[in-house]
Amino acid sequence: MVSLPKVAVVGAGVAGISCATQLHAAGFPVQLFDKSRGLGGRLATRRWPTGHAFDHGAPHFAAADNTFTAALTAAGDAAQRWQPRTGDVPATDHWVGAPRMNTWLKKQVGEIPFQLNTTIKALNPVDGEWSLGIEKRKATAHADIVVLATPAPQAAVLAEADAALASQLSAIDYAPCWALMLALTDHVSSPQDVYSDFPADSPLAWLGRNAGKPGRDVDNTGWVAHATAAWSTDNLEITTDAAIARLIPAVIETLGVKRDDLGKTQAHRWRYSTVRTPAGVPYLNNDAKTLFAIGDGCLGGGVDGAYRSASALAAALITAHT
């Protein structure tokens, strides 16, 4: 019987979970690690004690890859198609998780062991395997193969033991995005669930009503606004309070509400939101093929690109080791 290598996947977003799931199904011993409190990466939903929920990461995603479409279809109600009301702008067929963006990913994880709130601070080759140093812990994890499924700038730091791989990862460029979450005191009578056709000088790129998506609480009065890449870049280091103050006027104007109609607001900065300069290959690796990097930074294309990258590496490892 073939002894399969032990794989550690750092990053439990679309790429990490998809790769881990496919390797686990092929019999590989796999362990997932993520520094966040939840699974899903940029497929994120924030919930407030008030009952409001906000998909403040990727608001929706495409599935151009047939295998990806099949995986989403197999998830049942946990992944659903969405055609938002967009006024005069033709509606586009999107996918969303339901009732939260990461629901379909959580279903995929199944029995794969994972550790959240776990920051991998260093990778060191030791006796033919990788030692994973965990921040604030004396214990280390060990694996024959490490898959880095984090944004490329973070992966580059972990890959510093291999200068060539770290250099390739450092060349991948991302645009940031400020996300604004706001709860209205009452429902807005809006003909649209989504606004994306803004004037050139607007700080907003996208504004959406969370309750407009399938599987959501229809009583939720929450909206999410995403700033443009240019505005987010220019205002990358401002405080969350400043981001709220500068973005709210554009939201008020778009929805035709008053400042008093807004309840609580929060902002979140996605430093690595969308890929501007991808690597142009499905995945990256060291010469020994024991350290790999995957994600939308490899192929671009957001969630769909992350899935294709993960699948390409999983297929390569399965072919090489089984």
Protein backbone atom coordinates (compact mmCIF):
# COMPACT_ATOMS: atom_id res chain seq x y z
CA MET A 1 0.00 0.00 0.00
CA VAL A 2 1.33 3.44 -0.98
CA SER A 3 2.14 5.71 1.94
CA LEU A 4 0.91 9.15 1.01
CA PRO A 5 2.72 12.28 2.19
CA LYS A 6 1.26 14.31 5.02
CA VAL A 7 0.02 17.69 3.77
CA ALA A 8 -0.38 20.91 5.75
CA VAL A 9 -2.53 23.59 4.12
CA VAL A 10 -2.03 27.11 5.46
CA GLY A 11 -5.09 29.21 4.75
CA ALA A 12 -8.70 28.05 4.92
CA GLY A 13 -10.26 30.13 2.18
CA VAL A 14 -11.59 28.87 -1.14
CA ALA A 15 -8.20 27.69 -2.41
CA GLY A 16 -7.07 26.04 0.82
CA ILE A 17 -10.32 24.24 1.56
CA SER A 18 -10.82 23.14 -2.06
CA CYS A 19 -7.31 21.71 -2.31
CA ALA A 20 -7.53 20.04 1.10
CA THR A 21 -10.91 18.52 0.25
CA GLN A 22 -9.68 16.98 -2.99
CA LEU A 23 -6.50 15.62 -1.41
CA HIS A 24 -8.43 14.22 1.55
CA ALA A 25 -10.81 12.43 -0.82
CA ALA A 26 -7.78 10.82 -2.49
CA GLY A 27 -6.52 9.50 0.86
CA PHE A 28 -3.88 12.09 1.75
CA PRO A 29 -3.55 12.93 5.46
CA VAL A 30 -4.37 16.66 5.47
CA GLN A 31 -4.43 19.35 8.15
CA LEU A 32 -5.80 22.89 7.67
CA PHE A 33 -4.55 25.97 9.51
CA ASP A 34 -5.96 29.50 9.49
CA LYS A 35 -5.25 32.57 11.58
CA SER A 36 -8.88 33.74 11.50
CA ARG A 37 -11.80 32.79 13.73
CA GLY A 38 -13.76 31.21 10.89
CA LEU A 39 -13.44 29.36 7.62
CA GLY A 40 -13.79 30.99 4.24
CA GLY A 41 -11.18 33.75 3.95
CA ARG A 42 -12.60 36.56 1.84
CA LEU A 43 -15.94 34.74 1.63
CA ALA A 44 -16.79 36.35 4.93
CA THR A 45 -19.98 37.27 6.77
CA ARG A 46 -20.02 39.45 9.87
CA ARG A 47 -22.88 39.08 12.34
CA TRP A 48 -23.91 41.69 14.88
CA PRO A 49 -25.69 41.08 18.22
CA THR A 50 -28.61 43.03 16.71
CA GLY A 51 -29.22 40.14 14.31
CA HIS A 52 -27.86 41.96 11.29
CA ALA A 53 -25.54 40.02 8.98
CA PHE A 54 -23.22 41.43 6.33
CA ASP A 55 -21.39 39.64 3.53
CA HIS A 56 -18.54 42.12 3.77
CA GLY A 57 -16.01 40.11 1.81
CA ALA A 58 -16.68 38.92 -1.73
CA PRO A 59 -20.37 39.79 -2.21
CA HIS A 60 -20.85 37.10 -4.87
CA PHE A 61 -18.73 35.09 -7.29
CA ALA A 62 -18.73 33.54 -10.75
CA ALA A 63 -18.19 29.89 -11.65
CA ALA A 64 -16.79 29.69 -15.16
CA ASP A 65 -15.17 26.30 -14.53
CA ASN A 66 -17.52 23.35 -15.11
CA THR A 67 -15.97 21.36 -12.27
CA PHE A 68 -16.50 24.28 -9.92
CA THR A 69 -20.11 24.62 -11.04
CA ALA A 70 -20.62 20.92 -10.35
CA ALA A 71 -19.13 21.28 -6.86
CA LEU A 72 -21.43 24.20 -6.08
CA THR A 73 -24.45 22.34 -7.41
CA ALA A 74 -23.55 19.35 -5.24
CA ALA A 75 -23.60 21.63 -2.18
CA GLY A 76 -27.39 21.93 -2.51
CA ASP A 77 -29.00 24.90 -0.81
CA ALA A 78 -25.65 25.88 0.73
CA ALA A 79 -24.67 27.46 -2.63
CA GLN A 80 -27.29 29.21 -4.73
CA ARG A 81 -27.51 31.24 -7.91
CA TRP A 82 -28.44 34.88 -7.50
CA GLN A 83 -29.77 37.36 -10.03
CA PRO A 84 -30.04 40.63 -8.11
CA ARG A 85 -32.39 43.44 -9.06
CA THR A 86 -30.12 45.99 -10.68
CA GLY A 87 -32.49 48.56 -12.18
CA ASP A 88 -31.51 49.49 -15.72
CA VAL A 89 -28.31 47.44 -15.56
CA PRO A 90 -28.80 43.90 -16.96
CA ALA A 91 -28.80 41.34 -14.16
CA THR A 92 -25.83 38.99 -14.01
CA ASP A 93 -26.08 35.44 -12.77
CA HIS A 94 -23.94 35.16 -9.63
CA TRP A 95 -23.30 32.47 -7.02
CA VAL A 96 -23.57 33.06 -3.28
CA GLY A 97 -23.29 30.85 -0.23
CA ALA A 98 -26.47 30.52 1.81
CA PRO A 99 -27.32 31.56 4.41
CA ARG A 100 -23.73 32.84 4.67
CA MET A 101 -21.04 33.12 2.03
CA ASN A 102 -18.88 30.39 3.55
CA THR A 103 -21.66 27.84 4.16
CA TRP A 104 -20.82 25.69 1.14
CA LEU A 105 -17.13 25.71 2.09
CA LYS A 106 -17.88 24.60 5.64
CA LYS A 107 -19.81 21.65 4.24
CA GLN A 108 -16.77 20.66 2.16
CA VAL A 109 -14.43 20.53 5.13
CA GLY A 110 -16.30 17.62 6.68
CA GLU A 111 -13.91 15.45 8.68
CA ILE A 112 -10.72 17.24 7.65
CA PRO A 113 -8.96 18.38 10.84
CA PHE A 114 -8.48 22.13 11.03
CA GLN A 115 -7.14 24.66 13.50
CA LEU A 116 -8.50 28.20 13.55
CA ASN A 117 -6.98 31.13 15.44
CA THR A 118 -3.66 29.58 14.49
CA THR A 119 -1.03 31.76 12.86
CA ILE A 120 1.84 29.92 11.20
CA LYS A 121 4.82 32.21 11.78
CA ALA A 122 7.63 30.23 10.13
CA LEU A 123 8.43 27.23 7.94
CA ASN A 124 11.67 25.37 8.44
CA PRO A 125 12.98 22.27 6.62
CA VAL A 126 13.94 19.68 9.24
CA ASP A 127 15.08 16.10 8.46
CA GLY A 128 13.31 15.90 5.12
CA GLU A 129 10.03 17.45 6.24
CA TRP A 130 8.63 20.86 7.11
CA SER A 131 8.32 22.18 10.64
CA LEU A 132 5.55 24.74 11.02
CA GLY A 133 6.12 27.21 13.83
CA ILE A 134 2.89 28.39 15.45
CA GLU A 135 2.70 31.89 16.85
CA LYS A 136 2.46 32.12 20.67
CA ARG A 137 2.87 28.36 21.04
CA LYS A 138 5.86 26.20 21.81
CA ALA A 139 4.42 23.27 19.87
CA THR A 140 5.09 22.87 16.15
CA ALA A 141 3.31 20.98 13.40
CA HIS A 142 5.06 18.79 10.84
CA ALA A 143 4.28 17.84 7.26
CA ASP A 144 5.94 16.37 4.20
CA ILE A 145 4.26 18.91 1.93
CA VAL A 146 3.09 22.44 2.74
CA VAL A 147 0.53 24.27 0.64
CA LEU A 148 0.37 28.03 1.13
CA ALA A 149 -3.17 29.19 0.39
CA THR A 150 -2.92 32.72 1.78
CA PRO A 151 -2.63 36.01 -0.14
CA ALA A 152 0.71 36.02 -1.94
CA PRO A 153 2.41 38.73 0.20
CA GLN A 154 1.73 36.64 3.31
CA ALA A 155 2.82 33.44 1.57
CA ALA A 156 6.07 35.14 0.46
CA VAL A 157 7.04 35.72 4.09
CA LEU A 158 6.50 32.06 4.95
CA ALA A 159 8.38 30.94 1.83
CA GLU A 160 11.50 32.95 2.67
CA ALA A 161 13.47 29.69 3.05
CA ASP A 162 13.22 29.40 -0.75
CA ALA A 163 14.35 32.68 -2.31
CA ALA A 164 13.11 31.87 -5.82
CA LEU A 165 9.60 30.96 -4.68
CA ALA A 166 9.41 33.95 -2.35
CA SER A 167 10.44 36.22 -5.24
CA GLN A 168 7.69 34.84 -7.49
CA LEU A 169 5.12 35.39 -4.77
CA SER A 170 6.33 38.93 -4.10
CA ALA A 171 5.69 39.83 -7.75
CA ILE A 172 1.95 39.17 -7.37
CA ASP A 173 0.10 42.45 -6.82
CA TYR A 174 -3.25 43.05 -5.10
CA ALA A 175 -5.68 45.95 -4.91
CA PRO A 176 -7.15 46.72 -1.48
CA CYS A 177 -10.80 47.37 -0.69
CA TRP A 178 -12.53 49.22 2.12
CA ALA A 179 -15.89 47.62 2.99
CA LEU A 180 -18.60 49.56 4.81
CA MET A 181 -21.37 47.79 6.75
CA LEU A 182 -24.41 49.79 7.73
CA ALA A 183 -27.78 48.99 9.26
CA LEU A 184 -30.72 51.20 8.36
CA THR A 185 -33.36 51.99 10.94
CA ASP A 186 -35.99 50.74 8.50
CA HIS A 187 -36.20 49.10 5.07
CA VAL A 188 -35.48 51.36 2.11
CA SER A 189 -37.99 51.19 -0.71
CA SER A 190 -35.34 50.56 -3.33
CA PRO A 191 -35.94 49.21 -6.84
CA GLN A 192 -32.50 47.66 -6.74
CA ASP A 193 -30.68 45.11 -4.61
CA VAL A 194 -27.34 46.13 -6.09
CA TYR A 195 -25.84 49.41 -7.30
CA SER A 196 -22.64 49.26 -9.31
CA ASP A 197 -22.98 51.99 -11.94
CA PHE A 198 -21.43 54.93 -10.10
CA PRO A 199 -20.02 58.21 -11.44
CA ALA A 200 -16.30 58.19 -12.14
CA ASP A 201 -15.58 60.43 -9.15
CA SER A 202 -17.55 58.29 -6.66
CA PRO A 203 -15.61 56.45 -3.96
CA LEU A 204 -18.03 53.51 -4.33
CA ALA A 205 -17.69 50.54 -6.64
CA TRP A 206 -20.54 48.40 -5.29
CA LEU A 207 -23.47 48.73 -2.90
CA GLY A 208 -25.75 45.82 -2.05
CA ARG A 209 -28.68 44.89 0.17
CA ASN A 210 -27.82 41.75 2.09
CA ALA A 211 -31.45 40.64 2.39
CA GLY A 212 -31.71 40.59 -1.40
CA LYS A 213 -29.65 37.40 -1.56
CA PRO A 214 -31.21 33.93 -1.35
CA GLY A 215 -31.33 32.28 2.05
CA ARG A 216 -31.03 35.57 3.96
CA ASP A 217 -33.26 37.04 6.65
CA VAL A 218 -35.71 39.25 4.73
CA ASP A 219 -36.02 41.51 7.79
CA ASN A 220 -32.33 42.33 7.72
CA THR A 221 -31.92 46.05 6.93
CA GLY A 222 -28.17 45.76 6.39
CA TRP A 223 -26.32 47.05 3.35
CA VAL A 224 -22.68 46.58 2.33
CA ALA A 225 -20.68 49.12 0.32
CA HIS A 226 -17.32 48.44 -1.31
CA ALA A 227 -15.02 51.31 -2.19
CA THR A 228 -13.16 51.42 -5.48
CA ALA A 229 -9.65 50.03 -5.72
CA ALA A 230 -8.29 53.51 -6.42
CA TRP A 231 -10.04 55.10 -3.43
CA SER A 232 -9.05 52.21 -1.17
CA THR A 233 -5.43 52.50 -2.28
CA ASP A 234 -5.35 56.25 -1.67
CA ASN A 235 -6.97 55.79 1.76
CA LEU A 236 -5.36 52.50 2.73
CA GLU A 237 -3.94 53.60 6.08
CA ILE A 238 -6.81 55.74 7.41
CA THR A 239 -8.72 54.64 10.49
CA THR A 240 -11.98 52.75 10.28
CA ASP A 241 -13.80 55.80 11.68
CA ALA A 242 -12.35 57.95 8.91
CA ALA A 243 -13.32 55.40 6.27
CA ILE A 244 -16.90 55.39 7.57
CA ALA A 245 -17.10 59.18 7.58
CA ARG A 246 -15.78 59.49 4.03
CA LEU A 247 -17.92 56.72 2.48
CA ILE A 248 -21.29 57.33 4.14
CA PRO A 249 -22.20 60.45 2.11
CA ALA A 250 -22.02 58.46 -1.14
CA VAL A 251 -24.25 55.73 0.34
CA ILE A 252 -26.80 58.29 1.57
CA GLU A 253 -26.91 59.92 -1.84
CA THR A 254 -27.32 56.60 -3.66
CA LEU A 255 -30.11 55.27 -1.44
CA GLY A 256 -31.84 58.61 -1.01
CA VAL A 257 -31.89 58.34 2.79
CA LYS A 258 -31.01 60.74 5.58
CA ARG A 259 -28.15 60.42 8.04
CA ASP A 260 -30.72 59.76 10.79
CA ASP A 261 -31.92 56.70 8.83
CA LEU A 262 -28.59 55.01 9.48
CA GLY A 263 -28.05 52.98 12.61
CA LYS A 264 -24.79 51.30 13.51
CA THR A 265 -21.93 51.30 10.99
CA GLN A 266 -18.65 49.42 10.76
CA ALA A 267 -15.81 49.33 8.26
CA HIS A 268 -13.32 46.63 7.35
CA ARG A 269 -10.15 46.98 5.29
CA TRP A 270 -9.30 44.13 2.94
CA ARG A 271 -5.64 44.76 2.24
CA TYR A 272 -5.50 41.96 -0.35
CA SER A 273 -8.87 42.12 -2.05
CA THR A 274 -8.49 41.54 -5.79
CA VAL A 275 -5.49 40.47 -7.83
CA ARG A 276 -4.08 43.06 -10.22
CA THR A 277 -1.00 41.13 -11.37
CA PRO A 278 -1.30 37.32 -11.14
CA ALA A 279 1.57 34.89 -11.56
CA GLY A 280 -0.05 33.48 -14.70
CA VAL A 281 0.37 29.82 -13.72
CA PRO A 282 -1.97 27.46 -11.81
CA TYR A 283 0.38 27.15 -8.84
CA LEU A 284 3.92 27.89 -7.72
CA ASN A 285 6.40 25.51 -6.09
CA ASN A 286 9.95 25.04 -4.89
CA ASP A 287 12.35 22.81 -6.81
CA ALA A 288 11.82 19.90 -4.44
CA LYS A 289 8.05 20.12 -4.95
CA THR A 290 7.39 20.04 -1.23
CA LEU A 291 6.32 23.66 -0.85
CA PHE A 292 3.51 25.06 -2.98
CA ALA A 293 1.47 28.24 -3.28
CA ILE A 294 -2.06 28.42 -4.67
CA GLY A 295 -4.91 30.89 -4.85
CA ASP A 296 -6.29 33.64 -7.05
CA GLY A 297 -2.85 35.19 -7.01
CA CYS A 298 -1.75 32.46 -9.39
CA LEU A 299 -4.42 32.67 -12.07
CA GLY A 300 -6.41 35.76 -11.09
CA GLY A 301 -10.15 35.43 -11.47
CA GLY A 302 -11.25 35.72 -7.85
CA VAL A 303 -13.08 32.78 -6.31
CA ASP A 304 -13.27 30.85 -9.58
CA GLY A 305 -9.55 31.33 -10.15
CA ALA A 306 -8.76 30.23 -6.61
CA TYR A 307 -10.76 27.03 -7.12
CA ARG A 308 -9.04 26.29 -10.45
CA SER A 309 -5.63 26.85 -8.86
CA ALA A 310 -6.45 24.51 -5.98
CA SER A 311 -7.78 21.82 -8.29
CA ALA A 312 -4.71 21.99 -10.52
CA LEU A 313 -2.37 21.42 -7.59
CA ALA A 314 -4.53 18.67 -6.08
CA ALA A 315 -4.57 16.84 -9.42
CA ALA A 316 -0.79 17.17 -9.76
CA LEU A 317 -0.11 15.84 -6.26
CA ILE A 318 -2.53 12.96 -6.70
CA THR A 319 -0.84 12.01 -9.98
CA ALA A 320 2.64 12.28 -8.48
CA HIS A 321 1.97 10.28 -5.30
CA THR A 322 -0.67 7.66 -6.14
